[in-house]
Amino acid sequence: MNNKTLNLDELRKDLVIHDELLGHPMTFHTTWGLFSPKAIDAGTHLLLKHLEVKPDERAIDLGCGYGPLGLAIARSAPQGYCTLVDKDFVAVDYARKNAALNGIDNVEVLLSNGLDQVPGDRTFTLAVTNLPAKTGKEHYYLFFNDIKDRLEPGGRFYVVVITGLRQFIARSFKEVFGNHRKIKQGKSYTVAMAEKT
């Protein structure tokens, strides 16, 4: 077996992450091509550090990747549930595997472009997303309005974005939700929240 074959075989193996999220030790399998495959990214950690999860939360994680946000929320809401959605079938596959790996069964993982595959009658008390920086502002507006339609009154929508997008988030949240609260601004990432009134 030559070195090239050996290296490719190594690259095809799952990457394994052990971390503590919302006070719970968790394990994630991931792979190259998914966002932040070698470690839970700093934005996700910042959001979770400033997130309040009630035990009966009905939550949604948009763009769930391999599942760190949504699975940590589900683990923290034993009387509730979390719906995880992603438009990448590989991410959905890994999020499902990671739910099973961590023994979390109050979740549903859906292949969905935004909320288009989420049952129309399903509403949420909490929505979270680690927003990608490289997508159009039109996409964000569609996303934000769809979330607002599905949040229950008093429902909260938390986002973490690169700090360069914080002004846009403030403006668009005020426009769509009528309110905006900057929860934490770090050097690289900012966590913001809007509430459905």
C-alpha atoms as a PDB file:
ATOM      1  CA  MET A   1       0.000   0.000   0.000  1.00  0.00           C
ATOM      2  CA  ASN A   2       1.518   3.322  -1.005  1.00  0.00           C
ATOM      3  CA  ASN A   3       1.435   6.482   1.116  1.00  0.00           C
ATOM      4  CA  LYS A   4      -1.200   8.158  -1.035  1.00  0.00           C
ATOM      5  CA  THR A   5      -3.692   5.297  -0.503  1.00  0.00           C
ATOM      6  CA  LEU A   6      -2.988   5.227   3.213  1.00  0.00           C
ATOM      7  CA  ASN A   7      -3.571   8.990   3.532  1.00  0.00           C
ATOM      8  CA  LEU A   8      -6.829   8.804   1.588  1.00  0.00           C
ATOM      9  CA  ASP A   9      -8.048   6.009   3.837  1.00  0.00           C
ATOM     10  CA  GLU A  10      -7.241   8.174   6.871  1.00  0.00           C
ATOM     11  CA  LEU A  11      -9.063  11.159   5.348  1.00  0.00           C
ATOM     12  CA  ARG A  12     -12.188   9.041   4.809  1.00  0.00           C
ATOM     13  CA  LYS A  13     -12.437   8.164   8.493  1.00  0.00           C
ATOM     14  CA  ASP A  14     -14.865  10.140  10.648  1.00  0.00           C
ATOM     15  CA  LEU A  15     -13.390  12.924  12.726  1.00  0.00           C
ATOM     16  CA  VAL A  16     -14.447  12.685  16.387  1.00  0.00           C
ATOM     17  CA  ILE A  17     -15.061  15.679  18.656  1.00  0.00           C
ATOM     18  CA  HIS A  18     -15.529  15.525  22.431  1.00  0.00           C
ATOM     19  CA  ASP A  19     -16.792  18.736  24.009  1.00  0.00           C
ATOM     20  CA  GLU A  20     -19.051  20.073  26.739  1.00  0.00           C
ATOM     21  CA  LEU A  21     -22.087  22.010  25.507  1.00  0.00           C
ATOM     22  CA  LEU A  22     -24.611  23.638  27.858  1.00  0.00           C
ATOM     23  CA  GLY A  23     -22.956  21.673  30.662  1.00  0.00           C
ATOM     24  CA  HIS A  24     -23.342  18.290  28.940  1.00  0.00           C
ATOM     25  CA  PRO A  25     -20.353  16.198  27.805  1.00  0.00           C
ATOM     26  CA  MET A  26     -21.077  15.246  24.193  1.00  0.00           C
ATOM     27  CA  THR A  27     -19.421  13.395  21.321  1.00  0.00           C
ATOM     28  CA  PHE A  28     -19.799  14.235  17.644  1.00  0.00           C
ATOM     29  CA  HIS A  29     -18.720  12.379  14.548  1.00  0.00           C
ATOM     30  CA  THR A  30     -18.119  14.588  11.549  1.00  0.00           C
ATOM     31  CA  THR A  31     -16.334  14.592   8.208  1.00  0.00           C
ATOM     32  CA  TRP A  32     -14.444  16.822   5.818  1.00  0.00           C
ATOM     33  CA  GLY A  33     -16.743  19.120   3.839  1.00  0.00           C
ATOM     34  CA  LEU A  34     -19.022  19.943   6.781  1.00  0.00           C
ATOM     35  CA  PHE A  35     -18.635  23.238   8.637  1.00  0.00           C
ATOM     36  CA  SER A  36     -15.968  23.172  11.374  1.00  0.00           C
ATOM     37  CA  PRO A  37     -15.187  19.431  11.159  1.00  0.00           C
ATOM     38  CA  LYS A  38     -12.268  19.339  13.617  1.00  0.00           C
ATOM     39  CA  ALA A  39     -13.794  21.204  16.593  1.00  0.00           C
ATOM     40  CA  ILE A  40     -16.968  22.982  17.671  1.00  0.00           C
ATOM     41  CA  ASP A  41     -16.481  26.489  16.282  1.00  0.00           C
ATOM     42  CA  ALA A  42     -16.090  29.597  18.425  1.00  0.00           C
ATOM     43  CA  GLY A  43     -19.392  31.107  17.228  1.00  0.00           C
ATOM     44  CA  THR A  44     -21.374  28.060  18.367  1.00  0.00           C
ATOM     45  CA  HIS A  45     -19.627  28.142  21.753  1.00  0.00           C
ATOM     46  CA  LEU A  46     -20.383  31.872  22.136  1.00  0.00           C
ATOM     47  CA  LEU A  47     -24.067  31.385  21.294  1.00  0.00           C
ATOM     48  CA  LEU A  48     -24.448  28.456  23.705  1.00  0.00           C
ATOM     49  CA  LYS A  49     -22.700  30.413  26.469  1.00  0.00           C
ATOM     50  CA  HIS A  50     -25.389  33.098  26.249  1.00  0.00           C
ATOM     51  CA  LEU A  51     -28.429  30.914  25.530  1.00  0.00           C
ATOM     52  CA  GLU A  52     -31.180  30.193  28.025  1.00  0.00           C
ATOM     53  CA  VAL A  53     -32.967  26.886  27.382  1.00  0.00           C
ATOM     54  CA  LYS A  54     -36.145  26.035  29.289  1.00  0.00           C
ATOM     55  CA  PRO A  55     -36.821  22.354  30.146  1.00  0.00           C
ATOM     56  CA  ASP A  56     -39.927  22.251  27.894  1.00  0.00           C
ATOM     57  CA  GLU A  57     -38.520  24.291  24.998  1.00  0.00           C
ATOM     58  CA  ARG A  58     -39.828  23.526  21.517  1.00  0.00           C
ATOM     59  CA  ALA A  59     -36.821  24.532  19.473  1.00  0.00           C
ATOM     60  CA  ILE A  60     -35.478  24.590  15.934  1.00  0.00           C
ATOM     61  CA  ASP A  61     -31.846  24.676  14.802  1.00  0.00           C
ATOM     62  CA  LEU A  62     -31.566  26.043  11.264  1.00  0.00           C
ATOM     63  CA  GLY A  63     -28.525  24.961   9.288  1.00  0.00           C
ATOM     64  CA  CYS A  64     -27.746  22.387  11.963  1.00  0.00           C
ATOM     65  CA  GLY A  65     -24.599  20.936  10.378  1.00  0.00           C
ATOM     66  CA  TYR A  66     -23.607  17.819  12.323  1.00  0.00           C
ATOM     67  CA  GLY A  67     -25.821  18.952  15.205  1.00  0.00           C
ATOM     68  CA  PRO A  68     -23.949  20.675  18.074  1.00  0.00           C
ATOM     69  CA  LEU A  69     -26.471  23.480  18.700  1.00  0.00           C
ATOM     70  CA  GLY A  70     -29.683  21.486  18.277  1.00  0.00           C
ATOM     71  CA  LEU A  71     -28.507  18.396  20.129  1.00  0.00           C
ATOM     72  CA  ALA A  72     -27.210  20.445  23.079  1.00  0.00           C
ATOM     73  CA  ILE A  73     -30.588  22.217  23.244  1.00  0.00           C
ATOM     74  CA  ALA A  74     -32.511  18.922  23.066  1.00  0.00           C
ATOM     75  CA  ARG A  75     -30.360  17.479  25.867  1.00  0.00           C
ATOM     76  CA  SER A  76     -31.178  20.580  27.960  1.00  0.00           C
ATOM     77  CA  ALA A  77     -34.937  20.406  27.232  1.00  0.00           C
ATOM     78  CA  PRO A  78     -35.958  16.904  28.366  1.00  0.00           C
ATOM     79  CA  GLN A  79     -39.677  17.810  28.375  1.00  0.00           C
ATOM     80  CA  GLY A  80     -39.416  19.531  24.986  1.00  0.00           C
ATOM     81  CA  TYR A  81     -37.854  18.748  21.639  1.00  0.00           C
ATOM     82  CA  CYS A  82     -35.643  20.211  18.949  1.00  0.00           C
ATOM     83  CA  THR A  83     -36.099  20.057  15.189  1.00  0.00           C
ATOM     84  CA  LEU A  84     -32.787  20.193  13.306  1.00  0.00           C
ATOM     85  CA  VAL A  85     -32.779  21.198   9.644  1.00  0.00           C
ATOM     86  CA  ASP A  86     -30.086  21.496   7.015  1.00  0.00           C
ATOM     87  CA  LYS A  87     -30.088  21.600   3.211  1.00  0.00           C
ATOM     88  CA  ASP A  88     -26.977  19.379   3.059  1.00  0.00           C
ATOM     89  CA  PHE A  89     -27.848  15.657   3.145  1.00  0.00           C
ATOM     90  CA  VAL A  90     -24.408  14.791   4.549  1.00  0.00           C
ATOM     91  CA  ALA A  91     -24.981  17.170   7.489  1.00  0.00           C
ATOM     92  CA  VAL A  92     -28.431  15.659   8.108  1.00  0.00           C
ATOM     93  CA  ASP A  93     -26.952  12.155   8.053  1.00  0.00           C
ATOM     94  CA  TYR A  94     -24.287  13.091  10.621  1.00  0.00           C
ATOM     95  CA  ALA A  95     -26.757  15.000  12.825  1.00  0.00           C
ATOM     96  CA  ARG A  96     -28.952  11.870  12.955  1.00  0.00           C
ATOM     97  CA  LYS A  97     -25.939   9.684  13.780  1.00  0.00           C
ATOM     98  CA  ASN A  98     -24.862  12.111  16.500  1.00  0.00           C
ATOM     99  CA  ALA A  99     -28.343  12.173  18.054  1.00  0.00           C
ATOM    100  CA  ALA A 100     -28.184   8.358  18.331  1.00  0.00           C
ATOM    101  CA  LEU A 101     -24.565   8.410  19.514  1.00  0.00           C
ATOM    102  CA  ASN A 102     -25.470  10.763  22.379  1.00  0.00           C
ATOM    103  CA  GLY A 103     -28.723   8.947  23.229  1.00  0.00           C
ATOM    104  CA  ILE A 104     -30.886  11.978  22.393  1.00  0.00           C
ATOM    105  CA  ASP A 105     -34.326  10.985  21.138  1.00  0.00           C
ATOM    106  CA  ASN A 106     -36.366  14.189  21.567  1.00  0.00           C
ATOM    107  CA  VAL A 107     -35.166  15.399  18.163  1.00  0.00           C
ATOM    108  CA  GLU A 108     -36.139  15.238  14.533  1.00  0.00           C
ATOM    109  CA  VAL A 109     -33.579  15.905  11.812  1.00  0.00           C
ATOM    110  CA  LEU A 110     -34.940  17.018   8.437  1.00  0.00           C
ATOM    111  CA  LEU A 111     -33.411  17.672   5.039  1.00  0.00           C
ATOM    112  CA  SER A 112     -34.937  21.070   4.349  1.00  0.00           C
ATOM    113  CA  ASN A 113     -34.164  24.307   2.525  1.00  0.00           C
ATOM    114  CA  GLY A 114     -34.918  26.663   5.394  1.00  0.00           C
ATOM    115  CA  LEU A 115     -38.302  25.620   6.771  1.00  0.00           C
ATOM    116  CA  ASP A 116     -39.848  24.273   3.568  1.00  0.00           C
ATOM    117  CA  GLN A 117     -39.890  20.620   4.766  1.00  0.00           C
ATOM    118  CA  VAL A 118     -40.892  21.405   8.367  1.00  0.00           C
ATOM    119  CA  PRO A 119     -44.571  20.471   8.939  1.00  0.00           C
ATOM    120  CA  GLY A 120     -46.661  23.624   8.503  1.00  0.00           C
ATOM    121  CA  ASP A 121     -48.455  23.302  11.845  1.00  0.00           C
ATOM    122  CA  ARG A 122     -45.230  23.081  13.881  1.00  0.00           C
ATOM    123  CA  THR A 123     -44.410  26.149  15.974  1.00  0.00           C
ATOM    124  CA  PHE A 124     -41.454  26.951  18.189  1.00  0.00           C
ATOM    125  CA  THR A 125     -40.566  28.774  21.394  1.00  0.00           C
ATOM    126  CA  LEU A 126     -36.876  29.007  20.468  1.00  0.00           C
ATOM    127  CA  ALA A 127     -34.972  29.211  17.181  1.00  0.00           C
ATOM    128  CA  VAL A 128     -31.205  29.266  16.790  1.00  0.00           C
ATOM    129  CA  THR A 129     -28.803  29.520  13.883  1.00  0.00           C
ATOM    130  CA  ASN A 130     -25.119  29.983  13.256  1.00  0.00           C
ATOM    131  CA  LEU A 131     -25.594  32.114  10.148  1.00  0.00           C
ATOM    132  CA  PRO A 132     -23.226  31.537   7.240  1.00  0.00           C
ATOM    133  CA  ALA A 133     -21.412  34.709   6.217  1.00  0.00           C
ATOM    134  CA  LYS A 134     -21.458  33.965   2.500  1.00  0.00           C
ATOM    135  CA  THR A 135     -25.083  34.089   1.497  1.00  0.00           C
ATOM    136  CA  GLY A 136     -27.224  36.866   0.054  1.00  0.00           C
ATOM    137  CA  LYS A 137     -29.110  39.325   2.232  1.00  0.00           C
ATOM    138  CA  GLU A 138     -32.274  38.321   0.368  1.00  0.00           C
ATOM    139  CA  HIS A 139     -31.785  34.806   1.734  1.00  0.00           C
ATOM    140  CA  TYR A 140     -31.487  36.163   5.282  1.00  0.00           C
ATOM    141  CA  TYR A 141     -34.740  38.129   4.904  1.00  0.00           C
ATOM    142  CA  LEU A 142     -36.627  35.046   3.684  1.00  0.00           C
ATOM    143  CA  PHE A 143     -35.152  33.066   6.569  1.00  0.00           C
ATOM    144  CA  PHE A 144     -36.038  35.680   9.216  1.00  0.00           C
ATOM    145  CA  ASN A 145     -39.628  36.091   8.002  1.00  0.00           C
ATOM    146  CA  ASP A 146     -40.135  32.314   7.868  1.00  0.00           C
ATOM    147  CA  ILE A 147     -38.843  32.011  11.446  1.00  0.00           C
ATOM    148  CA  LYS A 148     -41.077  34.813  12.659  1.00  0.00           C
ATOM    149  CA  ASP A 149     -44.121  33.046  11.153  1.00  0.00           C
ATOM    150  CA  ARG A 150     -43.295  29.846  13.099  1.00  0.00           C
ATOM    151  CA  LEU A 151     -42.370  31.366  16.465  1.00  0.00           C
ATOM    152  CA  GLU A 152     -45.001  31.434  19.173  1.00  0.00           C
ATOM    153  CA  PRO A 153     -45.670  34.794  20.878  1.00  0.00           C
ATOM    154  CA  GLY A 154     -42.733  35.398  23.219  1.00  0.00           C
ATOM    155  CA  GLY A 155     -40.598  33.007  21.159  1.00  0.00           C
ATOM    156  CA  ARG A 156     -36.920  33.931  20.840  1.00  0.00           C
ATOM    157  CA  PHE A 157     -34.656  33.809  17.817  1.00  0.00           C
ATOM    158  CA  TYR A 158     -30.904  33.749  18.549  1.00  0.00           C
ATOM    159  CA  VAL A 159     -28.265  34.139  15.850  1.00  0.00           C
ATOM    160  CA  VAL A 160     -24.503  34.142  15.937  1.00  0.00           C
ATOM    161  CA  VAL A 161     -22.790  35.934  13.048  1.00  0.00           C
ATOM    162  CA  ILE A 162     -19.368  37.233  12.189  1.00  0.00           C
ATOM    163  CA  THR A 163     -19.075  40.618  13.880  1.00  0.00           C
ATOM    164  CA  GLY A 164     -18.930  42.389  10.495  1.00  0.00           C
ATOM    165  CA  LEU A 165     -22.628  41.501   9.950  1.00  0.00           C
ATOM    166  CA  ARG A 166     -23.856  42.801  13.321  1.00  0.00           C
ATOM    167  CA  GLN A 167     -25.234  46.128  11.947  1.00  0.00           C
ATOM    168  CA  PHE A 168     -27.168  44.323   9.218  1.00  0.00           C
ATOM    169  CA  ILE A 169     -28.620  41.900  11.780  1.00  0.00           C
ATOM    170  CA  ALA A 170     -29.672  44.814  14.015  1.00  0.00           C
ATOM    171  CA  ARG A 171     -31.434  46.557  11.108  1.00  0.00           C
ATOM    172  CA  SER A 172     -33.115  43.456   9.703  1.00  0.00           C
ATOM    173  CA  PHE A 173     -34.283  42.204  13.112  1.00  0.00           C
ATOM    174  CA  LYS A 174     -35.868  45.609  13.849  1.00  0.00           C
ATOM    175  CA  GLU A 175     -37.511  45.528  10.430  1.00  0.00           C
ATOM    176  CA  VAL A 176     -38.826  41.940  10.630  1.00  0.00           C
ATOM    177  CA  PHE A 177     -39.438  41.462  14.383  1.00  0.00           C
ATOM    178  CA  GLY A 178     -39.712  45.075  15.567  1.00  0.00           C
ATOM    179  CA  ASN A 179     -36.934  44.507  18.113  1.00  0.00           C
ATOM    180  CA  HIS A 180     -33.288  43.515  18.447  1.00  0.00           C
ATOM    181  CA  ARG A 181     -31.005  42.837  21.378  1.00  0.00           C
ATOM    182  CA  LYS A 182     -27.257  42.434  21.095  1.00  0.00           C
ATOM    183  CA  ILE A 183     -26.486  39.693  23.603  1.00  0.00           C
ATOM    184  CA  LYS A 184     -22.701  39.540  23.271  1.00  0.00           C
ATOM    185  CA  GLN A 185     -20.196  41.074  20.899  1.00  0.00           C
ATOM    186  CA  GLY A 186     -16.844  39.357  20.687  1.00  0.00           C
ATOM    187  CA  LYS A 187     -13.878  40.153  18.477  1.00  0.00           C
ATOM    188  CA  SER A 188     -14.924  37.704  15.767  1.00  0.00           C
ATOM    189  CA  TYR A 189     -18.578  36.860  16.495  1.00  0.00           C
ATOM    190  CA  THR A 190     -21.705  38.592  17.748  1.00  0.00           C
ATOM    191  CA  VAL A 191     -24.770  36.941  19.301  1.00  0.00           C
ATOM    192  CA  ALA A 192     -28.080  38.738  18.778  1.00  0.00           C
ATOM    193  CA  MET A 193     -31.666  37.966  19.680  1.00  0.00           C
ATOM    194  CA  ALA A 194     -35.122  38.988  18.508  1.00  0.00           C
ATOM    195  CA  GLU A 195     -38.412  38.171  20.183  1.00  0.00           C
ATOM    196  CA  LYS A 196     -41.801  37.615  18.587  1.00  0.00           C
ATOM    197  CA  THR A 197     -44.212  39.994  20.273  1.00  0.00           C
END
